[in-house]
Amino acid sequence: MAAGELGQAVRRWRDRVPPEAAGLPANGRRRAAGLRREELALLAGISVEYVTRLEQGRAAHPSAQVVEALARALRLSADERARLFRLAGLAPPGPGSVPGHIPPSVHRLLDRLTGTPVAVHDATWTLLLANTPYVALMGDPSAWRGHERNGVWRHFLGGAAGRTRHTPESLRAFEEAVVGDLRAAADRYPADPRLRRLVSELRAGSARFAELWDSGVVGRHESGHKTIVHPQAGPVTLDCDVLTVAGNDLRIMIYTAEPGTTDAERLALITVLGTQSLVG
């Protein structure tokens, strides 16, 4: 396929996605109803310069990870996603790969939860999509690349501590659950090369992960309570519910607080702070 055809397809699909549907403010004059290049770049986690090169036909061979990220940001259907892969000269992911497609119904769900922190992960706990309140609560993941977007990798090998605080008991339960969850994904998708590389890197780099993996621990990362220490609003304890999209093997993580509590007030403040930061 010609690079020009790939760029034309990206531009065409970008033009049909309204910024509000992607959780972005529709401020100021806009020459088109769709996403700006910088907005698509933000949502896909790539540079504006790369989006420009792609649309101008000067970046003819994007990686599978970039194509997958563009498909999510552009809200492509399954058939459109497959076409984008083919236009990029790549085979669409087969049934043996960890699903990374977010169906329109999940996008619509996130559209209706504009004041609630929500993130979508695949079966390996790789972050696929996060709305504005989630970014405000947990930090901006747009600069993360490759395995940095995987929650298990960040916990065991990421180095810098995140905003979630654990007790010794909750830390042990969390680690056992995510390692058990990753093992279950490896059992379901034994032919996925990216998943095999992830597990290999974790076993080689983290003695704790290797210990849990080799012990055959089983578990599932599900709902519970989390305390997040926000740099401006301070500590906030929230309910964290994990919904599973069975047909696509996705994990939707939703953070809420009991109405009328201090935690609810702090969560509302965090959401406002995040919106102001985005607008600014």
Protein backbone atom coordinates (compact mmCIF):
# COMPACT_ATOMS: atom_id res chain seq x y z
CA MET A 1 0.00 0.00 0.00
CA ALA A 2 1.20 3.52 -0.75
CA ALA A 3 2.14 5.71 2.19
CA GLY A 4 -0.15 8.39 0.79
CA GLU A 5 -3.16 6.11 1.12
CA LEU A 6 -2.29 5.41 4.74
CA GLY A 7 -2.01 9.13 5.49
CA GLN A 8 -5.30 9.89 3.72
CA ALA A 9 -7.08 7.24 5.78
CA VAL A 10 -5.72 8.62 9.06
CA ARG A 11 -6.77 12.17 8.10
CA ARG A 12 -10.23 11.00 7.07
CA TRP A 13 -10.81 9.10 10.29
CA ARG A 14 -9.36 11.95 12.38
CA ASP A 15 -11.83 14.39 10.84
CA ARG A 16 -14.84 12.40 12.01
CA VAL A 17 -13.91 12.13 15.72
CA PRO A 18 -15.31 15.10 17.68
CA PRO A 19 -12.97 16.31 20.43
CA GLU A 20 -15.72 16.05 23.05
CA ALA A 21 -16.12 12.33 22.34
CA ALA A 22 -12.46 11.87 23.21
CA GLY A 23 -12.77 13.79 26.47
CA LEU A 24 -11.06 16.88 25.10
CA PRO A 25 -12.37 20.47 25.38
CA ALA A 26 -13.75 21.96 22.18
CA ASN A 27 -12.42 25.44 22.93
CA GLY A 28 -11.80 28.18 20.42
CA ARG A 29 -12.22 28.25 16.67
CA ARG A 30 -11.74 24.98 14.85
CA ARG A 31 -11.31 24.60 11.11
CA ALA A 32 -12.81 21.11 11.24
CA ALA A 33 -15.16 19.25 13.53
CA GLY A 34 -12.70 16.45 14.18
CA LEU A 35 -9.53 16.04 16.18
CA ARG A 36 -6.52 18.26 15.64
CA ARG A 37 -3.22 16.55 14.96
CA GLU A 38 -1.94 17.40 18.43
CA GLU A 39 -5.10 15.91 19.97
CA LEU A 40 -4.71 12.66 18.02
CA ALA A 41 -1.05 12.56 19.06
CA LEU A 42 -2.04 13.03 22.71
CA LEU A 43 -4.64 10.27 22.60
CA ALA A 44 -2.36 7.84 20.74
CA GLY A 45 0.72 8.59 22.86
CA ILE A 46 2.88 9.59 19.88
CA SER A 47 4.46 12.87 18.79
CA VAL A 48 2.68 15.52 16.75
CA GLU A 49 5.62 15.48 14.36
CA TYR A 50 5.10 11.77 13.73
CA VAL A 51 1.37 12.25 13.06
CA THR A 52 2.27 14.99 10.57
CA ARG A 53 4.81 12.77 8.80
CA LEU A 54 2.30 9.92 8.74
CA GLU A 55 -0.45 12.03 7.18
CA GLN A 56 1.95 13.52 4.63
CA GLY A 57 3.10 10.07 3.53
CA ARG A 58 6.61 10.45 4.98
CA ALA A 59 6.25 7.70 7.62
CA ALA A 60 5.24 4.67 5.63
CA HIS A 61 6.01 1.88 8.09
CA PRO A 62 4.59 2.52 11.59
CA SER A 63 5.01 -0.24 14.14
CA ALA A 64 2.15 -2.50 15.17
CA GLN A 65 2.03 -0.72 18.56
CA VAL A 66 1.62 2.68 16.87
CA VAL A 67 -1.08 1.35 14.55
CA GLU A 68 -2.96 -0.17 17.48
CA ALA A 69 -2.74 3.11 19.41
CA LEU A 70 -4.00 5.07 16.39
CA ALA A 71 -6.89 2.65 15.92
CA ARG A 72 -7.98 3.20 19.53
CA ALA A 73 -7.60 6.97 19.37
CA LEU A 74 -9.54 7.12 16.09
CA ARG A 75 -12.27 4.85 17.47
CA LEU A 76 -12.08 2.50 14.53
CA SER A 77 -14.38 -0.46 14.12
CA ALA A 78 -12.88 -3.94 13.92
CA ASP A 79 -12.96 -3.85 10.10
CA GLU A 80 -11.45 -0.35 9.97
CA ARG A 81 -8.72 -1.40 12.40
CA ALA A 82 -7.86 -4.36 10.18
CA ARG A 83 -7.68 -2.03 7.17
CA LEU A 84 -5.38 0.37 9.02
CA PHE A 85 -3.00 -2.51 9.76
CA ARG A 86 -3.02 -3.56 6.11
CA LEU A 87 -2.45 0.02 4.91
CA ALA A 88 0.61 0.09 7.18
CA GLY A 89 1.90 -3.09 5.57
CA LEU A 90 1.15 -5.20 8.64
CA ALA A 91 -0.99 -8.26 9.24
CA PRO A 92 -3.90 -7.55 11.62
CA PRO A 93 -3.43 -9.27 15.00
CA GLY A 94 -4.68 -12.82 14.88
CA PRO A 95 -6.91 -14.70 17.32
CA GLY A 96 -3.85 -15.91 19.25
CA SER A 97 -2.82 -12.37 20.20
CA VAL A 98 -3.93 -10.45 23.29
CA PRO A 99 -6.88 -8.33 22.10
CA GLY A 100 -6.19 -4.60 22.00
CA HIS A 101 -9.30 -3.38 20.22
CA ILE A 102 -11.73 -1.19 22.18
CA PRO A 103 -15.24 -1.56 20.71
CA PRO A 104 -17.51 1.47 20.23
CA SER A 105 -19.70 0.37 23.15
CA VAL A 106 -16.78 0.77 25.57
CA HIS A 107 -15.97 4.19 24.12
CA ARG A 108 -19.60 5.19 24.70
CA LEU A 109 -19.37 3.98 28.30
CA LEU A 110 -16.36 6.21 28.91
CA ASP A 111 -18.16 9.13 27.25
CA ARG A 112 -20.87 8.88 29.90
CA LEU A 113 -18.41 8.79 32.80
CA THR A 114 -16.85 12.18 32.19
CA GLY A 115 -16.54 13.00 35.90
CA THR A 116 -15.24 9.58 36.97
CA PRO A 117 -11.67 8.26 36.66
CA VAL A 118 -11.74 5.36 34.20
CA ALA A 119 -8.98 3.43 32.48
CA VAL A 120 -9.12 0.52 30.03
CA HIS A 121 -6.45 -2.20 30.09
CA ASP A 122 -5.93 -5.33 28.04
CA ALA A 123 -5.69 -8.81 29.55
CA THR A 124 -2.01 -8.27 30.49
CA TRP A 125 -2.77 -5.00 32.35
CA THR A 126 -1.32 -2.85 29.60
CA LEU A 127 -3.00 0.55 29.61
CA LEU A 128 -4.96 1.16 26.42
CA LEU A 129 -7.03 4.23 27.25
CA ALA A 130 -7.47 6.63 30.16
CA ASN A 131 -9.93 9.50 30.48
CA THR A 132 -9.13 12.97 31.80
CA PRO A 133 -10.18 12.34 35.45
CA TYR A 134 -8.01 9.21 35.56
CA VAL A 135 -5.02 11.16 34.27
CA ALA A 136 -5.69 13.84 36.91
CA LEU A 137 -5.85 11.19 39.64
CA MET A 138 -3.01 8.86 38.67
CA GLY A 139 -0.71 11.01 36.52
CA ASP A 140 -0.20 11.48 32.78
CA PRO A 141 0.72 8.24 30.95
CA SER A 142 1.14 9.86 27.52
CA ALA A 143 4.95 9.62 27.61
CA TRP A 144 4.97 5.90 28.46
CA ARG A 145 6.22 3.63 25.71
CA GLY A 146 6.29 -0.14 25.26
CA HIS A 147 6.27 -2.09 28.52
CA GLU A 148 6.09 1.17 30.49
CA ARG A 149 2.36 1.09 29.77
CA ASN A 150 2.01 -2.26 31.53
CA GLY A 151 0.95 -2.03 35.17
CA VAL A 152 2.73 -5.24 36.19
CA TRP A 153 5.99 -4.09 34.60
CA ARG A 154 5.75 -0.66 36.21
CA HIS A 155 5.18 -2.20 39.65
CA PHE A 156 8.06 -4.67 39.56
CA LEU A 157 10.54 -2.92 37.25
CA GLY A 158 9.38 0.67 36.82
CA GLY A 159 11.60 2.10 39.53
CA ALA A 160 9.69 5.24 40.51
CA ALA A 161 6.84 4.68 42.98
CA GLY A 162 3.38 5.52 41.74
CA ARG A 163 0.68 7.35 43.65
CA THR A 164 -1.00 4.24 45.12
CA ARG A 165 -0.03 3.41 48.70
CA HIS A 166 -0.14 -0.16 50.07
CA THR A 167 -0.03 -1.74 53.49
CA PRO A 168 2.24 -4.81 53.69
CA GLU A 169 -0.86 -7.02 53.53
CA SER A 170 -2.44 -5.21 50.59
CA LEU A 171 0.90 -5.15 48.75
CA ARG A 172 1.27 -8.93 49.05
CA ALA A 173 -2.31 -9.49 47.90
CA PHE A 174 -1.86 -7.07 44.99
CA GLU A 175 1.34 -8.71 43.77
CA GLU A 176 -0.12 -12.20 43.98
CA ALA A 177 -3.24 -11.07 42.12
CA VAL A 178 -1.49 -9.33 39.22
CA VAL A 179 1.03 -12.14 38.75
CA GLY A 180 -1.78 -14.70 38.82
CA ASP A 181 -3.74 -12.57 36.34
CA LEU A 182 -0.74 -12.34 34.02
CA ARG A 183 -0.22 -16.11 34.24
CA ALA A 184 -3.87 -16.66 33.24
CA ALA A 185 -3.37 -14.36 30.24
CA ALA A 186 -0.23 -16.28 29.25
CA ASP A 187 -2.25 -19.50 29.39
CA ARG A 188 -4.95 -18.00 27.14
CA TYR A 189 -2.53 -16.46 24.63
CA PRO A 190 0.55 -18.73 24.55
CA ALA A 191 1.48 -17.62 21.02
CA ASP A 192 1.54 -13.87 21.72
CA PRO A 193 5.20 -12.79 21.33
CA ARG A 194 4.75 -9.47 23.15
CA LEU A 195 3.34 -11.26 26.19
CA ARG A 196 6.18 -13.79 26.17
CA ARG A 197 8.74 -10.97 26.05
CA LEU A 198 6.99 -9.19 28.92
CA VAL A 199 7.05 -12.26 31.16
CA SER A 200 10.67 -13.03 30.23
CA GLU A 201 11.77 -9.48 31.08
CA LEU A 202 9.88 -9.54 34.37
CA ARG A 203 11.36 -12.89 35.43
CA ALA A 204 14.87 -11.75 34.55
CA GLY A 205 14.60 -8.33 36.17
CA SER A 206 12.56 -8.89 39.33
CA ALA A 207 13.39 -11.55 41.92
CA ARG A 208 10.00 -10.98 43.56
CA PHE A 209 8.11 -11.51 40.29
CA ALA A 210 10.18 -14.62 39.50
CA GLU A 211 9.45 -16.01 42.96
CA LEU A 212 5.71 -15.52 42.57
CA TRP A 213 5.67 -16.77 38.97
CA ASP A 214 7.63 -19.91 39.78
CA SER A 215 5.41 -20.61 42.80
CA GLY A 216 2.45 -21.05 40.45
CA VAL A 217 0.43 -18.43 42.30
CA VAL A 218 -3.11 -17.98 41.02
CA GLY A 219 -5.35 -14.96 41.51
CA ARG A 220 -7.19 -12.15 39.84
CA HIS A 221 -6.79 -8.40 40.16
CA GLU A 222 -10.33 -7.35 41.03
CA SER A 223 -12.27 -4.76 43.00
CA GLY A 224 -11.07 -3.26 46.26
CA HIS A 225 -10.09 -0.07 48.06
CA LYS A 226 -7.10 2.03 47.05
CA THR A 227 -5.44 5.00 48.70
CA ILE A 228 -3.92 7.39 46.19
CA VAL A 229 -1.67 10.23 47.31
CA HIS A 230 -2.32 13.14 44.99
CA PRO A 231 0.42 15.80 44.85
CA GLN A 232 -2.09 18.65 45.27
CA ALA A 233 -5.19 17.20 46.94
CA GLY A 234 -3.43 14.80 49.31
CA PRO A 235 -4.48 11.21 50.13
CA VAL A 236 -7.83 9.98 48.87
CA THR A 237 -9.25 6.50 49.50
CA LEU A 238 -11.48 5.22 46.72
CA ASP A 239 -13.42 2.16 45.66
CA CYS A 240 -11.76 0.58 42.66
CA ASP A 241 -14.02 -1.66 40.60
CA VAL A 242 -12.75 -3.74 37.69
CA LEU A 243 -15.25 -4.64 34.97
CA THR A 244 -14.36 -7.28 32.40
CA VAL A 245 -15.43 -7.04 28.75
CA ALA A 246 -15.57 -10.74 28.01
CA GLY A 247 -15.68 -10.66 24.21
CA ASN A 248 -12.59 -8.43 24.00
CA ASP A 249 -10.89 -9.55 27.24
CA LEU A 250 -10.57 -5.94 28.43
CA ARG A 251 -10.37 -4.63 32.00
CA ILE A 252 -12.24 -1.40 32.78
CA MET A 253 -11.01 0.13 36.02
CA ILE A 254 -13.36 2.67 37.65
CA TYR A 255 -12.61 4.79 40.73
CA THR A 256 -15.45 6.18 42.85
CA ALA A 257 -15.98 7.62 46.33
CA GLU A 258 -18.97 7.44 48.65
CA PRO A 259 -21.05 10.64 48.21
CA GLY A 260 -20.82 13.21 50.97
CA THR A 261 -17.42 12.08 52.24
CA THR A 262 -14.10 13.91 52.36
CA ASP A 263 -12.79 11.47 49.78
CA ALA A 264 -15.62 12.45 47.41
CA GLU A 265 -14.76 16.13 47.87
CA ARG A 266 -11.08 15.47 47.18
CA LEU A 267 -11.89 13.38 44.11
CA ALA A 268 -14.07 16.22 42.76
CA LEU A 269 -11.20 18.66 43.39
CA ILE A 270 -8.74 16.39 41.59
CA THR A 271 -11.08 16.16 38.60
CA VAL A 272 -11.39 19.96 38.43
CA LEU A 273 -7.62 20.39 38.74
CA GLY A 274 -7.11 17.94 35.89
CA THR A 275 -9.57 19.74 33.64
CA GLN A 276 -7.96 23.10 34.35
CA SER A 277 -4.55 21.64 33.54
CA LEU A 278 -5.81 20.26 30.23
CA VAL A 279 -7.48 23.54 29.23
CA GLY A 280 -4.42 25.53 30.27
